[in-house]
Protein backbone atom coordinates (compact mmCIF):
# COMPACT_ATOMS: atom_id res chain seq x y z
CA UNK A 1 0.00 0.00 0.00
CA UNK A 2 1.34 3.42 -0.94
CA UNK A 3 2.08 5.88 1.81
CA UNK A 4 -0.31 8.82 1.79
CA UNK A 5 0.87 12.35 2.41
CA UNK A 6 -1.66 13.20 5.10
CA UNK A 7 -0.26 16.71 5.50
CA UNK A 8 -1.35 17.45 1.94
CA UNK A 9 -4.96 16.41 2.55
CA UNK A 10 -6.90 19.57 3.29
CA UNK A 11 -10.38 20.76 2.55
CA UNK A 12 -10.62 23.40 -0.19
CA UNK A 13 -11.41 26.14 2.33
CA UNK A 14 -8.28 25.25 4.33
CA UNK A 15 -6.14 25.28 1.17
CA UNK A 16 -7.53 28.72 0.32
CA UNK A 17 -6.70 30.04 3.80
CA UNK A 18 -3.12 28.79 3.49
CA UNK A 19 -2.80 30.28 0.02
CA UNK A 20 -3.93 33.69 1.33
CA UNK A 21 -1.56 33.35 4.29
CA UNK A 22 1.39 32.66 2.01
CA UNK A 23 0.42 35.57 -0.21
CA UNK A 24 0.17 37.85 2.84
CA UNK A 25 3.70 36.84 3.85
CA UNK A 26 4.95 37.57 0.33
CA UNK A 27 3.32 41.00 0.42
CA UNK A 28 4.82 41.68 3.86
CA UNK A 29 8.25 40.82 2.49
CA UNK A 30 7.78 43.17 -0.45
CA UNK A 31 6.44 45.98 1.76
CA UNK A 32 9.65 45.82 3.75
CA UNK A 33 11.75 45.98 0.60
CA UNK A 34 13.17 42.50 1.23
CA UNK A 35 14.12 40.17 -1.58
CA UNK A 36 13.71 36.42 -1.58
CA UNK A 37 17.49 36.16 -1.58
CA UNK A 38 17.71 38.25 1.59
CA UNK A 39 14.97 36.19 3.24
CA UNK A 40 16.83 33.00 2.30
CA UNK A 41 19.99 34.35 3.92
CA UNK A 42 18.20 35.41 7.10
CA UNK A 43 16.11 32.26 7.52
CA UNK A 44 18.62 29.73 6.23
CA UNK A 45 15.99 28.27 3.89
CA UNK A 46 16.53 27.60 0.22
CA UNK A 47 14.47 29.42 -2.44
CA UNK A 48 12.37 26.32 -3.09
CA UNK A 49 11.21 26.27 0.55
CA UNK A 50 10.38 29.98 0.50
CA UNK A 51 8.37 29.48 -2.68
CA UNK A 52 6.35 26.81 -0.88
CA UNK A 53 5.80 29.20 2.05
CA UNK A 54 4.58 31.96 -0.26
CA UNK A 55 2.33 29.48 -2.05
CA UNK A 56 0.83 28.41 1.27
CA UNK A 57 2.08 24.87 0.94
CA UNK A 58 0.33 22.47 3.35
CA UNK A 59 3.49 20.36 3.68
CA UNK A 60 5.53 23.27 5.04
CA UNK A 61 6.34 22.87 8.74
CA UNK A 62 4.69 25.38 11.04
CA UNK A 63 8.13 26.30 12.36
CA UNK A 64 9.13 27.33 8.86
CA UNK A 65 6.20 29.73 8.65
CA UNK A 66 7.09 31.06 12.11
CA UNK A 67 10.73 31.66 11.19
CA UNK A 68 9.71 33.62 8.08
CA UNK A 69 7.31 35.66 10.21
CA UNK A 70 10.09 36.32 12.73
CA UNK A 71 12.43 37.67 10.04
CA UNK A 72 9.58 39.91 8.89
CA UNK A 73 9.01 41.07 12.49
CA UNK A 74 5.60 39.41 12.61
CA UNK A 75 6.13 36.60 15.14
CA UNK A 76 3.82 38.29 17.66
CA UNK A 77 1.00 37.94 15.13
CA UNK A 78 1.59 34.19 15.25
CA UNK A 79 1.28 34.12 19.03
CA UNK A 80 -1.98 36.06 18.89
CA UNK A 81 -3.73 33.74 16.43
CA UNK A 82 -4.87 31.13 18.94
CA UNK A 83 -5.41 33.71 21.67
CA UNK A 84 -8.47 35.06 19.85
CA UNK A 85 -10.63 31.99 20.45
CA UNK A 86 -14.10 33.42 19.86
CA UNK A 87 -15.82 30.02 19.76
CA UNK A 88 -14.11 28.85 22.95
CA UNK A 89 -15.03 32.05 24.76
CA UNK A 90 -18.68 31.75 23.67
CA UNK A 91 -18.80 28.13 24.83
CA UNK A 92 -17.27 29.10 28.16
CA UNK A 93 -19.74 31.95 28.59
CA UNK A 94 -22.69 29.64 27.85
CA UNK A 95 -21.41 27.20 30.45
CA UNK A 96 -20.85 29.96 33.01
CA UNK A 97 -24.27 31.49 32.43
CA UNK A 98 -25.95 28.09 32.54
CA UNK A 99 -24.39 27.39 35.94
CA UNK A 100 -25.71 30.62 37.49
CA UNK A 101 -29.43 29.72 37.25
PDB file of N, CA and C in Angstrom:
ATOM      1  N   UNK A   1       0.841  -1.182   0.000  1.00  0.00           N
ATOM      2  CA  UNK A   1       0.000   0.000   0.000  1.00  0.00           C
ATOM      3  C   UNK A   1       0.888   1.248   0.000  1.00  0.00           C
ATOM      4  N   UNK A   2       0.559   2.190  -0.834  1.00  0.00           N
ATOM      5  CA  UNK A   2       1.341   3.421  -0.944  1.00  0.00           C
ATOM      6  C   UNK A   2       1.114   4.316   0.273  1.00  0.00           C
ATOM      7  N   UNK A   3       2.174   4.952   0.683  1.00  0.00           N
ATOM      8  CA  UNK A   3       2.084   5.877   1.813  1.00  0.00           C
ATOM      9  C   UNK A   3       1.391   7.157   1.351  1.00  0.00           C
ATOM     10  N   UNK A   4       0.406   7.588   2.131  1.00  0.00           N
ATOM     11  CA  UNK A   4      -0.310   8.817   1.786  1.00  0.00           C
ATOM     12  C   UNK A   4       0.343   9.998   2.492  1.00  0.00           C
ATOM     13  N   UNK A   5       0.368  11.120   1.815  1.00  0.00           N
ATOM     14  CA  UNK A   5       0.870  12.352   2.409  1.00  0.00           C
ATOM     15  C   UNK A   5      -0.288  13.038   3.116  1.00  0.00           C
ATOM     16  N   UNK A   6      -0.508  12.680   4.372  1.00  0.00           N
ATOM     17  CA  UNK A   6      -1.661  13.198   5.103  1.00  0.00           C
ATOM     18  C   UNK A   6      -1.589  14.709   5.289  1.00  0.00           C
ATOM     19  N   UNK A   7      -0.375  15.269   5.331  1.00  0.00           N
ATOM     20  CA  UNK A   7      -0.256  16.707   5.498  1.00  0.00           C
ATOM     21  C   UNK A   7      -0.741  17.473   4.269  1.00  0.00           C
ATOM     22  N   UNK A   8      -0.877  16.793   3.163  1.00  0.00           N
ATOM     23  CA  UNK A   8      -1.350  17.448   1.942  1.00  0.00           C
ATOM     24  C   UNK A   8      -2.855  17.318   1.759  1.00  0.00           C
ATOM     25  N   UNK A   9      -3.527  16.598   2.665  1.00  0.00           N
ATOM     26  CA  UNK A   9      -4.960  16.407   2.545  1.00  0.00           C
ATOM     27  C   UNK A   9      -5.669  17.489   3.358  1.00  0.00           C
ATOM     28  N   UNK A  10      -6.169  18.477   2.661  1.00  0.00           N
ATOM     29  CA  UNK A  10      -6.897  19.573   3.291  1.00  0.00           C
ATOM     30  C   UNK A  10      -8.187  19.806   2.523  1.00  0.00           C
ATOM     31  N   UNK A  11      -9.161  20.355   3.220  1.00  0.00           N
ATOM     32  CA  UNK A  11     -10.385  20.760   2.548  1.00  0.00           C
ATOM     33  C   UNK A  11     -10.091  22.001   1.714  1.00  0.00           C
ATOM     34  N   UNK A  12     -10.865  22.239   0.670  1.00  0.00           N
ATOM     35  CA  UNK A  12     -10.620  23.397  -0.194  1.00  0.00           C
ATOM     36  C   UNK A  12     -10.557  24.724   0.580  1.00  0.00           C
ATOM     37  N   UNK A  13     -11.416  24.898   1.555  1.00  0.00           N
ATOM     38  CA  UNK A  13     -11.406  26.143   2.332  1.00  0.00           C
ATOM     39  C   UNK A  13     -10.074  26.300   3.081  1.00  0.00           C
ATOM     40  N   UNK A  14      -9.552  25.209   3.610  1.00  0.00           N
ATOM     41  CA  UNK A  14      -8.280  25.246   4.327  1.00  0.00           C
ATOM     42  C   UNK A  14      -7.132  25.564   3.369  1.00  0.00           C
ATOM     43  N   UNK A  15      -7.163  24.990   2.181  1.00  0.00           N
ATOM     44  CA  UNK A  15      -6.135  25.283   1.169  1.00  0.00           C
ATOM     45  C   UNK A  15      -6.165  26.764   0.798  1.00  0.00           C
ATOM     46  N   UNK A  16      -7.374  27.306   0.676  1.00  0.00           N
ATOM     47  CA  UNK A  16      -7.530  28.720   0.318  1.00  0.00           C
ATOM     48  C   UNK A  16      -6.963  29.618   1.420  1.00  0.00           C
ATOM     49  N   UNK A  17      -7.225  29.267   2.664  1.00  0.00           N
ATOM     50  CA  UNK A  17      -6.703  30.044   3.796  1.00  0.00           C
ATOM     51  C   UNK A  17      -5.182  30.042   3.773  1.00  0.00           C
ATOM     52  N   UNK A  18      -4.584  28.870   3.561  1.00  0.00           N
ATOM     53  CA  UNK A  18      -3.121  28.785   3.495  1.00  0.00           C
ATOM     54  C   UNK A  18      -2.563  29.576   2.315  1.00  0.00           C
ATOM     55  N   UNK A  19      -3.262  29.538   1.194  1.00  0.00           N
ATOM     56  CA  UNK A  19      -2.803  30.283   0.017  1.00  0.00           C
ATOM     57  C   UNK A  19      -2.816  31.785   0.317  1.00  0.00           C
ATOM     58  N   UNK A  20      -3.868  32.275   0.969  1.00  0.00           N
ATOM     59  CA  UNK A  20      -3.934  33.695   1.335  1.00  0.00           C
ATOM     60  C   UNK A  20      -2.854  34.046   2.349  1.00  0.00           C
ATOM     61  N   UNK A  21      -2.599  33.124   3.278  1.00  0.00           N
ATOM     62  CA  UNK A  21      -1.565  33.351   4.294  1.00  0.00           C
ATOM     63  C   UNK A  21      -0.197  33.497   3.639  1.00  0.00           C
ATOM     64  N   UNK A  22       0.113  32.597   2.720  1.00  0.00           N
ATOM     65  CA  UNK A  22       1.385  32.663   2.007  1.00  0.00           C
ATOM     66  C   UNK A  22       1.509  33.945   1.209  1.00  0.00           C
ATOM     67  N   UNK A  23       0.416  34.324   0.566  1.00  0.00           N
ATOM     68  CA  UNK A  23       0.417  35.569  -0.209  1.00  0.00           C
ATOM     69  C   UNK A  23       0.618  36.783   0.709  1.00  0.00           C
ATOM     70  N   UNK A  24      -0.011  36.752   1.878  1.00  0.00           N
ATOM     71  CA  UNK A  24       0.168  37.846   2.841  1.00  0.00           C
ATOM     72  C   UNK A  24       1.626  37.952   3.289  1.00  0.00           C
ATOM     73  N   UNK A  25       2.283  36.813   3.474  1.00  0.00           N
ATOM     74  CA  UNK A  25       3.696  36.837   3.849  1.00  0.00           C
ATOM     75  C   UNK A  25       4.554  37.401   2.715  1.00  0.00           C
ATOM     76  N   UNK A  26       4.224  37.035   1.483  1.00  0.00           N
ATOM     77  CA  UNK A  26       4.954  37.566   0.331  1.00  0.00           C
ATOM     78  C   UNK A  26       4.787  39.087   0.247  1.00  0.00           C
ATOM     79  N   UNK A  27       3.570  39.560   0.447  1.00  0.00           N
ATOM     80  CA  UNK A  27       3.318  41.002   0.419  1.00  0.00           C
ATOM     81  C   UNK A  27       4.058  41.714   1.553  1.00  0.00           C
ATOM     82  N   UNK A  28       4.094  41.093   2.728  1.00  0.00           N
ATOM     83  CA  UNK A  28       4.818  41.679   3.862  1.00  0.00           C
ATOM     84  C   UNK A  28       6.305  41.802   3.540  1.00  0.00           C
ATOM     85  N   UNK A  29       6.847  40.776   2.884  1.00  0.00           N
ATOM     86  CA  UNK A  29       8.255  40.817   2.485  1.00  0.00           C
ATOM     87  C   UNK A  29       8.498  41.985   1.523  1.00  0.00           C
ATOM     88  N   UNK A  30       7.625  42.113   0.547  1.00  0.00           N
ATOM     89  CA  UNK A  30       7.784  43.168  -0.453  1.00  0.00           C
ATOM     90  C   UNK A  30       7.601  44.552   0.159  1.00  0.00           C
ATOM     91  N   UNK A  31       6.652  44.698   1.103  1.00  0.00           N
ATOM     92  CA  UNK A  31       6.442  45.983   1.760  1.00  0.00           C
ATOM     93  C   UNK A  31       7.688  46.447   2.496  1.00  0.00           C
ATOM     94  N   UNK A  32       8.440  45.500   3.003  1.00  0.00           N
ATOM     95  CA  UNK A  32       9.653  45.820   3.749  1.00  0.00           C
ATOM     96  C   UNK A  32      10.855  46.030   2.834  1.00  0.00           C
ATOM     97  N   UNK A  33      10.653  45.815   1.562  1.00  0.00           N
ATOM     98  CA  UNK A  33      11.748  45.984   0.604  1.00  0.00           C
ATOM     99  C   UNK A  33      12.739  44.837   0.636  1.00  0.00           C
ATOM    100  N   UNK A  34      12.317  43.686   1.185  1.00  0.00           N
ATOM    101  CA  UNK A  34      13.174  42.504   1.229  1.00  0.00           C
ATOM    102  C   UNK A  34      13.075  41.759  -0.095  1.00  0.00           C
ATOM    103  N   UNK A  35      14.136  41.059  -0.426  1.00  0.00           N
ATOM    104  CA  UNK A  35      14.118  40.173  -1.585  1.00  0.00           C
ATOM    105  C   UNK A  35      14.049  38.737  -1.075  1.00  0.00           C
ATOM    106  N   UNK A  36      13.715  37.833  -1.975  1.00  0.00           N
ATOM    107  CA  UNK A  36      13.706  36.418  -1.585  1.00  0.00           C
ATOM    108  C   UNK A  36      15.111  35.969  -1.200  1.00  0.00           C
ATOM    109  N   UNK A  37      16.091  36.509  -1.892  1.00  0.00           N
ATOM    110  CA  UNK A  37      17.486  36.159  -1.581  1.00  0.00           C
ATOM    111  C   UNK A  37      17.835  36.571  -0.155  1.00  0.00           C
ATOM    112  N   UNK A  38      17.447  37.782   0.230  1.00  0.00           N
ATOM    113  CA  UNK A  38      17.707  38.251   1.587  1.00  0.00           C
ATOM    114  C   UNK A  38      16.988  37.384   2.610  1.00  0.00           C
ATOM    115  N   UNK A  39      15.739  37.037   2.319  1.00  0.00           N
ATOM    116  CA  UNK A  39      14.971  36.194   3.239  1.00  0.00           C
ATOM    117  C   UNK A  39      15.614  34.807   3.358  1.00  0.00           C
ATOM    118  N   UNK A  40      16.127  34.287   2.257  1.00  0.00           N
ATOM    119  CA  UNK A  40      16.832  32.999   2.301  1.00  0.00           C
ATOM    120  C   UNK A  40      18.049  33.086   3.216  1.00  0.00           C
ATOM    121  N   UNK A  41      18.799  34.175   3.091  1.00  0.00           N
ATOM    122  CA  UNK A  41      19.991  34.347   3.923  1.00  0.00           C
ATOM    123  C   UNK A  41      19.622  34.444   5.403  1.00  0.00           C
ATOM    124  N   UNK A  42      18.568  35.189   5.705  1.00  0.00           N
ATOM    125  CA  UNK A  42      18.200  35.409   7.105  1.00  0.00           C
ATOM    126  C   UNK A  42      17.494  34.226   7.746  1.00  0.00           C
ATOM    127  N   UNK A  43      16.801  33.423   6.957  1.00  0.00           N
ATOM    128  CA  UNK A  43      16.112  32.263   7.517  1.00  0.00           C
ATOM    129  C   UNK A  43      16.949  30.989   7.431  1.00  0.00           C
ATOM    130  N   UNK A  44      17.853  30.950   6.451  1.00  0.00           N
ATOM    131  CA  UNK A  44      18.623  29.733   6.226  1.00  0.00           C
ATOM    132  C   UNK A  44      17.894  28.743   5.334  1.00  0.00           C
ATOM    133  N   UNK A  45      16.757  29.138   4.782  1.00  0.00           N
ATOM    134  CA  UNK A  45      15.987  28.269   3.894  1.00  0.00           C
ATOM    135  C   UNK A  45      16.411  28.484   2.445  1.00  0.00           C
ATOM    136  N   UNK A  46      16.217  27.451   1.637  1.00  0.00           N
ATOM    137  CA  UNK A  46      16.526  27.600   0.221  1.00  0.00           C
ATOM    138  C   UNK A  46      15.331  28.246  -0.498  1.00  0.00           C
ATOM    139  N   UNK A  47      15.549  28.754  -1.703  1.00  0.00           N
ATOM    140  CA  UNK A  47      14.468  29.421  -2.439  1.00  0.00           C
ATOM    141  C   UNK A  47      13.249  28.535  -2.670  1.00  0.00           C
ATOM    142  N   UNK A  48      13.478  27.244  -2.850  1.00  0.00           N
ATOM    143  CA  UNK A  48      12.365  26.320  -3.086  1.00  0.00           C
ATOM    144  C   UNK A  48      11.438  26.280  -1.866  1.00  0.00           C
ATOM    145  N   UNK A  49      12.016  26.274  -0.678  1.00  0.00           N
ATOM    146  CA  UNK A  49      11.210  26.267   0.549  1.00  0.00           C
ATOM    147  C   UNK A  49      10.430  27.563   0.678  1.00  0.00           C
ATOM    148  N   UNK A  50      11.084  28.692   0.407  1.00  0.00           N
ATOM    149  CA  UNK A  50      10.377  29.978   0.496  1.00  0.00           C
ATOM    150  C   UNK A  50       9.244  30.056  -0.514  1.00  0.00           C
ATOM    151  N   UNK A  51       9.444  29.499  -1.692  1.00  0.00           N
ATOM    152  CA  UNK A  51       8.366  29.483  -2.681  1.00  0.00           C
ATOM    153  C   UNK A  51       7.173  28.688  -2.168  1.00  0.00           C
ATOM    154  N   UNK A  52       7.436  27.601  -1.470  1.00  0.00           N
ATOM    155  CA  UNK A  52       6.353  26.806  -0.882  1.00  0.00           C
ATOM    156  C   UNK A  52       5.635  27.600   0.212  1.00  0.00           C
ATOM    157  N   UNK A  53       6.392  28.353   1.007  1.00  0.00           N
ATOM    158  CA  UNK A  53       5.799  29.200   2.046  1.00  0.00           C
ATOM    159  C   UNK A  53       4.874  30.224   1.405  1.00  0.00           C
ATOM    160  N   UNK A  54       5.357  30.908   0.383  1.00  0.00           N
ATOM    161  CA  UNK A  54       4.576  31.962  -0.260  1.00  0.00           C
ATOM    162  C   UNK A  54       3.390  31.410  -1.048  1.00  0.00           C
ATOM    163  N   UNK A  55       3.451  30.131  -1.376  1.00  0.00           N
ATOM    164  CA  UNK A  55       2.325  29.478  -2.052  1.00  0.00           C
ATOM    165  C   UNK A  55       1.335  28.914  -1.040  1.00  0.00           C
ATOM    166  N   UNK A  56       1.696  28.971   0.241  1.00  0.00           N
ATOM    167  CA  UNK A  56       0.828  28.413   1.274  1.00  0.00           C
ATOM    168  C   UNK A  56       0.813  26.904   1.252  1.00  0.00           C
ATOM    169  N   UNK A  57       1.974  26.326   1.025  1.00  0.00           N
ATOM    170  CA  UNK A  57       2.076  24.868   0.940  1.00  0.00           C
ATOM    171  C   UNK A  57       1.682  24.172   2.230  1.00  0.00           C
ATOM    172  N   UNK A  58       0.774  23.176   2.148  1.00  0.00           N
ATOM    173  CA  UNK A  58       0.331  22.466   3.348  1.00  0.00           C
ATOM    174  C   UNK A  58       1.404  21.555   3.944  1.00  0.00           C
ATOM    175  N   UNK A  59       2.420  21.223   3.176  1.00  0.00           N
ATOM    176  CA  UNK A  59       3.486  20.365   3.681  1.00  0.00           C
ATOM    177  C   UNK A  59       4.603  21.123   4.377  1.00  0.00           C
ATOM    178  N   UNK A  60       4.508  22.449   4.403  1.00  0.00           N
ATOM    179  CA  UNK A  60       5.534  23.266   5.038  1.00  0.00           C
ATOM    180  C   UNK A  60       5.338  23.207   6.553  1.00  0.00           C
ATOM    181  N   UNK A  61       6.416  22.966   7.273  1.00  0.00           N
ATOM    182  CA  UNK A  61       6.339  22.875   8.737  1.00  0.00           C
ATOM    183  C   UNK A  61       5.933  24.219   9.336  1.00  0.00           C
ATOM    184  N   UNK A  62       5.158  24.158  10.392  1.00  0.00           N
ATOM    185  CA  UNK A  62       4.688  25.379  11.036  1.00  0.00           C
ATOM    186  C   UNK A  62       5.859  26.221  11.537  1.00  0.00           C
ATOM    187  N   UNK A  63       6.943  25.580  11.925  1.00  0.00           N
ATOM    188  CA  UNK A  63       8.130  26.301  12.362  1.00  0.00           C
ATOM    189  C   UNK A  63       8.764  27.106  11.237  1.00  0.00           C
ATOM    190  N   UNK A  64       8.611  26.618  10.022  1.00  0.00           N
ATOM    191  CA  UNK A  64       9.130  27.334   8.860  1.00  0.00           C
ATOM    192  C   UNK A  64       8.349  28.632   8.661  1.00  0.00           C
ATOM    193  N   UNK A  65       7.020  28.522   8.745  1.00  0.00           N
ATOM    194  CA  UNK A  65       6.196  29.732   8.651  1.00  0.00           C
ATOM    195  C   UNK A  65       6.573  30.717   9.761  1.00  0.00           C
ATOM    196  N   UNK A  66       6.755  30.198  10.975  1.00  0.00           N
ATOM    197  CA  UNK A  66       7.088  31.062  12.115  1.00  0.00           C
ATOM    198  C   UNK A  66       8.426  31.763  11.922  1.00  0.00           C
ATOM    199  N   UNK A  67       9.414  31.047  11.392  1.00  0.00           N
ATOM    200  CA  UNK A  67      10.729  31.662  11.187  1.00  0.00           C
ATOM    201  C   UNK A  67      10.662  32.782  10.148  1.00  0.00           C
ATOM    202  N   UNK A  68       9.891  32.568   9.087  1.00  0.00           N
ATOM    203  CA  UNK A  68       9.711  33.620   8.077  1.00  0.00           C
ATOM    204  C   UNK A  68       9.028  34.819   8.728  1.00  0.00           C
ATOM    205  N   UNK A  69       8.004  34.569   9.530  1.00  0.00           N
ATOM    206  CA  UNK A  69       7.306  35.655  10.214  1.00  0.00           C
ATOM    207  C   UNK A  69       8.250  36.406  11.151  1.00  0.00           C
ATOM    208  N   UNK A  70       9.146  35.688  11.806  1.00  0.00           N
ATOM    209  CA  UNK A  70      10.091  36.324  12.729  1.00  0.00           C
ATOM    210  C   UNK A  70      11.039  37.261  11.974  1.00  0.00           C
ATOM    211  N   UNK A  71      11.533  36.829  10.835  1.00  0.00           N
ATOM    212  CA  UNK A  71      12.427  37.669  10.042  1.00  0.00           C
ATOM    213  C   UNK A  71      11.684  38.925   9.569  1.00  0.00           C
ATOM    214  N   UNK A  72      10.388  38.776   9.328  1.00  0.00           N
ATOM    215  CA  UNK A  72       9.577  39.913   8.891  1.00  0.00           C
ATOM    216  C   UNK A  72       9.096  40.763  10.076  1.00  0.00           C
ATOM    217  N   UNK A  73       9.430  40.329  11.300  1.00  0.00           N
ATOM    218  CA  UNK A  73       9.008  41.069  12.490  1.00  0.00           C
ATOM    219  C   UNK A  73       7.547  40.843  12.830  1.00  0.00           C
ATOM    220  N   UNK A  74       7.014  39.689  12.428  1.00  0.00           N
ATOM    221  CA  UNK A  74       5.597  39.407  12.606  1.00  0.00           C
ATOM    222  C   UNK A  74       5.330  38.239  13.561  1.00  0.00           C
ATOM    223  N   UNK A  75       6.337  37.794  14.310  1.00  0.00           N
ATOM    224  CA  UNK A  75       6.135  36.605  15.144  1.00  0.00           C
ATOM    225  C   UNK A  75       5.079  36.813  16.227  1.00  0.00           C
ATOM    226  N   UNK A  76       4.868  38.045  16.670  1.00  0.00           N
ATOM    227  CA  UNK A  76       3.821  38.289  17.664  1.00  0.00           C
ATOM    228  C   UNK A  76       2.440  38.036  17.083  1.00  0.00           C
ATOM    229  N   UNK A  77       2.274  38.260  15.790  1.00  0.00           N
ATOM    230  CA  UNK A  77       1.003  37.943  15.132  1.00  0.00           C
ATOM    231  C   UNK A  77       0.705  36.450  15.251  1.00  0.00           C
ATOM    232  N   UNK A  78       1.739  35.643  15.148  1.00  0.00           N
ATOM    233  CA  UNK A  78       1.587  34.194  15.249  1.00  0.00           C
ATOM    234  C   UNK A  78       1.082  33.812  16.641  1.00  0.00           C
ATOM    235  N   UNK A  79       1.670  34.431  17.650  1.00  0.00           N
ATOM    236  CA  UNK A  79       1.282  34.123  19.030  1.00  0.00           C
ATOM    237  C   UNK A  79      -0.153  34.537  19.322  1.00  0.00           C
ATOM    238  N   UNK A  80      -0.629  35.551  18.636  1.00  0.00           N
ATOM    239  CA  UNK A  80      -1.975  36.063  18.890  1.00  0.00           C
ATOM    240  C   UNK A  80      -3.073  35.260  18.193  1.00  0.00           C
ATOM    241  N   UNK A  81      -2.708  34.448  17.207  1.00  0.00           N
ATOM    242  CA  UNK A  81      -3.733  33.738  16.431  1.00  0.00           C
ATOM    243  C   UNK A  81      -4.634  32.863  17.296  1.00  0.00           C
ATOM    244  N   UNK A  82      -4.068  32.028  18.126  1.00  0.00           N
ATOM    245  CA  UNK A  82      -4.875  31.126  18.944  1.00  0.00           C
ATOM    246  C   UNK A  82      -5.455  31.836  20.162  1.00  0.00           C
ATOM    247  N   UNK A  83      -4.913  32.983  20.509  1.00  0.00           N
ATOM    248  CA  UNK A  83      -5.407  33.711  21.674  1.00  0.00           C
ATOM    249  C   UNK A  83      -6.807  34.276  21.430  1.00  0.00           C
ATOM    250  N   UNK A  84      -7.163  34.518  20.194  1.00  0.00           N
ATOM    251  CA  UNK A  84      -8.474  35.059  19.854  1.00  0.00           C
ATOM    252  C   UNK A  84      -9.429  33.914  19.538  1.00  0.00           C
ATOM    253  N   UNK A  85      -9.791  33.185  20.571  1.00  0.00           N
ATOM    254  CA  UNK A  85     -10.629  31.988  20.447  1.00  0.00           C
ATOM    255  C   UNK A  85     -12.088  32.359  20.697  1.00  0.00           C
ATOM    256  N   UNK A  86     -12.727  32.951  19.707  1.00  0.00           N
ATOM    257  CA  UNK A  86     -14.104  33.418  19.857  1.00  0.00           C
ATOM    258  C   UNK A  86     -15.066  32.278  20.194  1.00  0.00           C
ATOM    259  N   UNK A  87     -14.928  31.153  19.520  1.00  0.00           N
ATOM    260  CA  UNK A  87     -15.822  30.020  19.762  1.00  0.00           C
ATOM    261  C   UNK A  87     -15.631  29.495  21.183  1.00  0.00           C
ATOM    262  N   UNK A  88     -14.386  29.347  21.604  1.00  0.00           N
ATOM    263  CA  UNK A  88     -14.111  28.853  22.954  1.00  0.00           C
ATOM    264  C   UNK A  88     -14.659  29.780  24.024  1.00  0.00           C
ATOM    265  N   UNK A  89     -14.524  31.080  23.795  1.00  0.00           N
ATOM    266  CA  UNK A  89     -15.034  32.053  24.764  1.00  0.00           C
ATOM    267  C   UNK A  89     -16.553  31.984  24.832  1.00  0.00           C
ATOM    268  N   UNK A  90     -17.225  31.858  23.686  1.00  0.00           N
ATOM    269  CA  UNK A  90     -18.685  31.749  23.672  1.00  0.00           C
ATOM    270  C   UNK A  90     -19.144  30.490  24.397  1.00  0.00           C
ATOM    271  N   UNK A  91     -18.454  29.379  24.145  1.00  0.00           N
ATOM    272  CA  UNK A  91     -18.805  28.127  24.829  1.00  0.00           C
ATOM    273  C   UNK A  91     -18.614  28.253  26.332  1.00  0.00           C
ATOM    274  N   UNK A  92     -17.531  28.899  26.741  1.00  0.00           N
ATOM    275  CA  UNK A  92     -17.269  29.102  28.165  1.00  0.00           C
ATOM    276  C   UNK A  92     -18.341  30.005  28.783  1.00  0.00           C
ATOM    277  N   UNK A  93     -18.712  31.048  28.083  1.00  0.00           N
ATOM    278  CA  UNK A  93     -19.744  31.951  28.594  1.00  0.00           C
ATOM    279  C   UNK A  93     -21.082  31.249  28.745  1.00  0.00           C
ATOM    280  N   UNK A  94     -21.439  30.405  27.771  1.00  0.00           N
ATOM    281  CA  UNK A  94     -22.691  29.641  27.853  1.00  0.00           C
ATOM    282  C   UNK A  94     -22.665  28.744  29.083  1.00  0.00           C
ATOM    283  N   UNK A  95     -21.551  28.079  29.295  1.00  0.00           N
ATOM    284  CA  UNK A  95     -21.413  27.196  30.446  1.00  0.00           C
ATOM    285  C   UNK A  95     -21.514  27.988  31.758  1.00  0.00           C
ATOM    286  N   UNK A  96     -20.835  29.133  31.799  1.00  0.00           N
ATOM    287  CA  UNK A  96     -20.850  29.956  33.005  1.00  0.00           C
ATOM    288  C   UNK A  96     -22.235  30.521  33.280  1.00  0.00           C
ATOM    289  N   UNK A  97     -22.914  30.956  32.245  1.00  0.00           N
ATOM    290  CA  UNK A  97     -24.272  31.486  32.430  1.00  0.00           C
ATOM    291  C   UNK A  97     -25.265  30.390  32.787  1.00  0.00           C
ATOM    292  N   UNK A  98     -25.072  29.219  32.233  1.00  0.00           N
ATOM    293  CA  UNK A  98     -25.946  28.090  32.536  1.00  0.00           C
ATOM    294  C   UNK A  98     -25.803  27.644  33.990  1.00  0.00           C
ATOM    295  N   UNK A  99     -24.639  27.810  34.564  1.00  0.00           N
ATOM    296  CA  UNK A  99     -24.394  27.387  35.942  1.00  0.00           C
ATOM    297  C   UNK A  99     -24.891  28.382  36.967  1.00  0.00           C
ATOM    298  N   UNK A 100     -25.292  29.593  36.535  1.00  0.00           N
ATOM    299  CA  UNK A 100     -25.709  30.621  37.487  1.00  0.00           C
ATOM    300  C   UNK A 100     -27.206  30.617  37.744  1.00  0.00           C
ATOM    301  N   UNK A 101     -27.962  29.754  37.075  1.00  0.00           N
ATOM    302  CA  UNK A 101     -29.425  29.716  37.252  1.00  0.00           C
ATOM    303  C   UNK A 101     -29.833  28.998  38.500  1.00  0.00           C
TER     304      UNK A 101
END
